[in-house]
């Protein structure tokens, strides 16, 4: 993860687009990432498509081959560069051309509650950036984070749903909490968040974490994914 974070840091330095649109993609020059998506496969047709947010999908009809491990087509979060072929279309399926699949995002399930979580899971400081890459959509919480990397150990991030319903991010630097500042992206499948009683409507979900200036929190809009 430390190596990936350093690489992401370089990529973000090149990113020159700041205007968010629907909180999940921006209009950028080609070859720069302009969408954060979930890659999926239609079980009936085999067509590869991308879930852009809670409702909109992106389809490149000429893009049929799974872009990752050919033997494991489990869905993955990824940064991509796409061109919208239907710029004036506002439906739930958008026709696009995939310019480049830049990188997959480390995607993992939530972790269970355990005793002494700060000790077991680690509580080293980490910052969550106010970025279009920090987003709650499609049943995932994707976080653009920043911390110190010495480059000697693997850093571990875990997400836990606490007894009060809030989410807590734990960061274990494994003794590697000194060195250069680096960025990374990680996505958590919100598998431990129950379906709300009112069905599929949006609800507030609060994330807490230990930052370099103390505990912080942020509230996201979350829609349960069937």
Protein backbone atom coordinates (compact mmCIF):
# COMPACT_ATOMS: atom_id res chain seq x y z
CA UNK A 1 0.00 0.00 0.00
CA UNK A 2 2.90 2.34 0.76
CA UNK A 3 4.26 1.88 -2.75
CA UNK A 4 0.82 2.48 -4.24
CA UNK A 5 0.41 5.61 -2.14
CA UNK A 6 3.65 7.07 -3.46
CA UNK A 7 2.56 6.38 -7.01
CA UNK A 8 -0.85 7.96 -6.36
CA UNK A 9 0.87 11.00 -4.90
CA UNK A 10 2.72 11.55 -8.15
CA UNK A 11 -0.47 11.10 -10.16
CA UNK A 12 -2.41 13.61 -8.09
CA UNK A 13 0.33 16.18 -8.53
CA UNK A 14 -0.39 16.07 -12.25
CA UNK A 15 -4.14 16.39 -11.73
CA UNK A 16 -5.21 19.86 -12.82
CA UNK A 17 -9.00 19.56 -12.68
CA UNK A 18 -10.87 20.66 -9.59
CA UNK A 19 -14.52 21.07 -10.61
CA UNK A 20 -16.72 18.28 -9.29
CA UNK A 21 -19.79 17.06 -11.18
CA UNK A 22 -22.25 14.81 -9.38
CA UNK A 23 -19.47 14.26 -6.82
CA UNK A 24 -17.89 11.41 -8.75
CA UNK A 25 -16.24 12.57 -11.94
CA UNK A 26 -14.68 15.65 -13.46
CA UNK A 27 -14.06 16.77 -17.01
CA UNK A 28 -10.31 16.50 -17.50
CA UNK A 29 -7.82 16.17 -20.35
CA UNK A 30 -7.56 12.65 -21.70
CA UNK A 31 -5.11 10.30 -19.94
CA UNK A 32 -5.80 12.01 -16.61
CA UNK A 33 -8.31 10.16 -14.41
CA UNK A 34 -11.74 11.71 -14.73
CA UNK A 35 -13.95 8.99 -13.23
CA UNK A 36 -13.92 6.75 -10.18
CA UNK A 37 -16.01 3.68 -10.97
CA UNK A 38 -16.85 0.11 -10.05
CA UNK A 39 -16.09 -2.38 -12.82
CA UNK A 40 -18.80 -5.02 -13.18
CA UNK A 41 -19.96 -7.63 -15.71
CA UNK A 42 -23.52 -8.11 -16.92
CA UNK A 43 -24.26 -11.74 -15.92
CA UNK A 44 -26.53 -12.26 -18.93
CA UNK A 45 -24.61 -10.66 -21.79
CA UNK A 46 -21.07 -10.68 -20.38
CA UNK A 47 -20.75 -6.98 -21.22
CA UNK A 48 -18.21 -5.16 -19.06
CA UNK A 49 -19.60 -1.92 -17.65
CA UNK A 50 -18.78 0.66 -15.01
CA UNK A 51 -20.99 1.87 -12.17
CA UNK A 52 -20.40 5.60 -11.89
CA UNK A 53 -22.55 6.33 -8.84
CA UNK A 54 -25.67 4.95 -7.16
CA UNK A 55 -27.70 5.01 -10.38
CA UNK A 56 -25.65 5.86 -13.51
CA UNK A 57 -23.69 3.24 -15.47
CA UNK A 58 -21.05 3.78 -18.16
CA UNK A 59 -20.75 1.40 -21.10
CA UNK A 60 -18.07 1.20 -23.77
CA UNK A 61 -19.67 -1.23 -26.24
CA UNK A 62 -16.29 -1.98 -27.83
CA UNK A 63 -14.76 -2.85 -24.46
CA UNK A 64 -15.66 -6.48 -23.82
CA UNK A 65 -12.56 -7.93 -22.17
CA UNK A 66 -12.28 -7.82 -18.39
CA UNK A 67 -9.38 -5.40 -17.77
CA UNK A 68 -7.99 -7.19 -14.72
CA UNK A 69 -7.25 -10.78 -13.67
CA UNK A 70 -9.03 -12.83 -16.33
CA UNK A 71 -9.79 -15.68 -13.91
CA UNK A 72 -11.38 -13.52 -11.21
CA UNK A 73 -14.09 -11.14 -12.38
CA UNK A 74 -15.12 -9.87 -8.97
CA UNK A 75 -16.05 -6.21 -9.08
CA UNK A 76 -13.33 -3.67 -8.39
CA UNK A 77 -13.11 0.06 -7.84
CA UNK A 78 -10.81 1.83 -10.28
CA UNK A 79 -9.66 5.17 -11.66
CA UNK A 80 -10.28 5.54 -15.37
CA UNK A 81 -10.10 8.12 -18.13
CA UNK A 82 -13.17 8.17 -20.35
CA UNK A 83 -14.64 10.29 -23.13
CA UNK A 84 -18.41 10.75 -23.03
CA UNK A 85 -19.83 10.02 -26.47
CA UNK A 86 -23.29 11.23 -25.47
CA UNK A 87 -22.41 14.56 -23.86
CA UNK A 88 -25.98 15.85 -23.90
CA UNK A 89 -27.59 12.65 -22.66
CA UNK A 90 -28.79 12.57 -19.05
CA UNK A 91 -30.14 9.02 -18.72
CA UNK A 92 -29.03 6.30 -16.33
CA UNK A 93 -26.75 4.64 -18.89
CA UNK A 94 -24.04 6.72 -20.54
CA UNK A 95 -22.20 5.78 -23.72
CA UNK A 96 -18.45 6.28 -23.28
CA UNK A 97 -15.08 5.45 -24.77
CA UNK A 98 -12.49 4.14 -22.29
CA UNK A 99 -9.22 5.94 -22.98
CA UNK A 100 -7.26 4.31 -20.20
CA UNK A 101 -7.75 2.22 -17.06
CA UNK A 102 -5.24 3.96 -14.85
CA UNK A 103 -5.23 1.79 -11.75
CA UNK A 104 -7.39 -0.37 -9.55
CA UNK A 105 -8.12 0.77 -6.01
CA UNK A 106 -7.44 -1.47 -3.04
CA UNK A 107 -10.93 -2.74 -2.21
CA UNK A 108 -11.72 -4.61 0.98
CA UNK A 109 -14.63 -5.47 3.31
CA UNK A 110 -15.23 -3.89 6.69
CA UNK A 111 -13.60 -5.35 9.81
CA UNK A 112 -15.43 -6.65 12.89
CA UNK A 113 -15.59 -5.03 16.30
CA UNK A 114 -12.94 -6.45 18.64
CA UNK A 115 -11.77 -5.64 22.13
CA UNK A 116 -9.15 -2.87 22.39
CA UNK A 117 -9.61 -1.89 18.74
CA UNK A 118 -7.12 1.00 18.93
CA UNK A 119 -4.45 -1.46 20.06
CA UNK A 120 -5.42 -4.36 17.81
CA UNK A 121 -6.13 -2.35 14.64
CA UNK A 122 -3.72 0.53 15.26
CA UNK A 123 -4.55 4.20 15.66
CA UNK A 124 -1.77 6.03 13.84
CA UNK A 125 -2.80 9.42 12.43
CA UNK A 126 -4.09 9.78 8.89
CA UNK A 127 -5.77 12.60 6.99
CA UNK A 128 -8.84 12.18 4.78
CA UNK A 129 -8.72 14.66 1.91
CA UNK A 130 -11.59 16.79 0.66
CA UNK A 131 -11.30 15.38 -2.85
CA UNK A 132 -13.57 14.08 -5.60
CA UNK A 133 -11.89 10.73 -4.88
CA UNK A 134 -13.38 10.71 -1.38
CA UNK A 135 -16.95 9.57 -1.98
CA UNK A 136 -19.68 7.27 -0.70
CA UNK A 137 -21.49 5.54 -3.59
CA UNK A 138 -22.51 2.17 -5.01
CA UNK A 139 -22.23 0.57 -1.57
CA UNK A 140 -18.60 1.63 -1.15
CA UNK A 141 -16.83 4.25 0.93
CA UNK A 142 -13.81 5.35 -1.09
CA UNK A 143 -11.23 7.45 0.74
CA UNK A 144 -8.41 9.61 -0.59
CA UNK A 145 -6.03 9.62 2.37
CA UNK A 146 -2.67 11.15 3.29
CA UNK A 147 -0.10 10.11 5.89
CA UNK A 148 3.64 9.63 6.49
CA UNK A 149 5.40 6.70 4.83
CA UNK A 150 8.92 5.54 5.62
CA UNK A 151 8.68 2.92 2.90
CA UNK A 152 9.82 0.09 5.17
CA UNK A 153 6.54 -1.53 6.24
CA UNK A 154 3.06 -2.13 4.83
CA UNK A 155 0.41 0.20 6.23
CA UNK A 156 -2.99 -1.29 7.05
CA UNK A 157 -6.32 0.53 7.00
CA UNK A 158 -9.50 -0.96 8.48
CA UNK A 159 -13.07 0.30 8.64
CA UNK A 160 -15.34 -0.72 11.53
CA UNK A 161 -19.02 -0.02 12.19
CA UNK A 162 -19.19 0.89 15.87
CA UNK A 163 -22.02 0.11 18.28
CA UNK A 164 -23.47 3.62 17.86
CA UNK A 165 -23.70 3.16 14.07
CA UNK A 166 -20.80 5.46 13.18
CA UNK A 167 -17.88 4.24 11.08
CA UNK A 168 -14.34 4.36 12.46
CA UNK A 169 -11.21 4.25 10.29
CA UNK A 170 -8.18 2.63 11.88
CA UNK A 171 -4.65 3.09 10.53
CA UNK A 172 -1.75 0.83 11.53
CA UNK A 173 1.55 2.16 10.21
CA UNK A 174 3.36 -0.85 11.70
CA UNK A 175 6.07 1.42 13.07
CA UNK A 176 6.53 3.14 9.71
CA UNK A 177 4.95 6.47 10.73
CA UNK A 178 7.92 8.67 9.82
CA UNK A 179 9.21 9.75 6.44
CA UNK A 180 7.71 11.40 3.39
CA UNK A 181 4.12 12.54 2.99
CA UNK A 182 2.23 10.29 0.59
CA UNK A 183 -1.31 9.90 -0.70
CA UNK A 184 -3.33 6.81 -1.40
CA UNK A 185 -6.85 5.63 -2.16
CA UNK A 186 -8.70 2.77 -0.52
CA UNK A 187 -12.29 1.55 -0.94
CA UNK A 188 -14.37 -0.30 1.65
CA UNK A 189 -17.46 -2.33 0.79
CA UNK A 190 -20.04 -1.24 3.35
CA UNK A 191 -21.11 -4.80 4.06
CA UNK A 192 -21.72 -4.20 7.79
CA UNK A 193 -24.07 -1.25 7.30
CA UNK A 194 -27.66 -2.53 7.61
CA UNK A 195 -30.50 -1.66 5.29
CA UNK A 196 -32.43 1.35 6.62
CA UNK A 197 -36.00 0.81 7.75
CA UNK A 198 -37.34 3.25 5.15
CA UNK A 199 -35.96 1.21 2.27
CA UNK A 200 -33.57 2.54 -0.33
CA UNK A 201 -33.59 6.22 0.58
CA UNK A 202 -30.44 8.15 1.36
CA UNK A 203 -29.36 8.40 4.98
CA UNK A 204 -26.51 10.09 6.82
CA UNK A 205 -23.50 8.00 7.77
CA UNK A 206 -20.64 9.45 9.85
CA UNK A 207 -16.97 8.53 9.53
CA UNK A 208 -14.50 9.18 12.36
CA UNK A 209 -10.72 8.94 12.27
CA UNK A 210 -7.59 9.98 14.17
CA UNK A 211 -5.93 12.84 12.26
CA UNK A 212 -2.61 14.58 12.92
CA UNK A 213 -4.57 17.27 14.80
CA UNK A 214 -6.86 14.98 16.78
CA UNK A 215 -10.12 13.16 16.09
CA UNK A 216 -12.11 14.30 13.06
CA UNK A 217 -15.38 13.27 11.49
CA UNK A 218 -17.34 13.73 8.28
CA UNK A 219 -20.92 12.83 7.38
CA UNK A 220 -21.67 11.25 4.00
CA UNK A 221 -24.95 10.61 2.19
CA UNK A 222 -25.33 6.85 1.90
CA UNK A 223 -27.78 4.75 -0.10
CA UNK A 224 -28.06 1.08 0.76
CA UNK A 225 -27.11 -1.24 -2.10
CA UNK A 226 -29.17 -4.37 -2.60
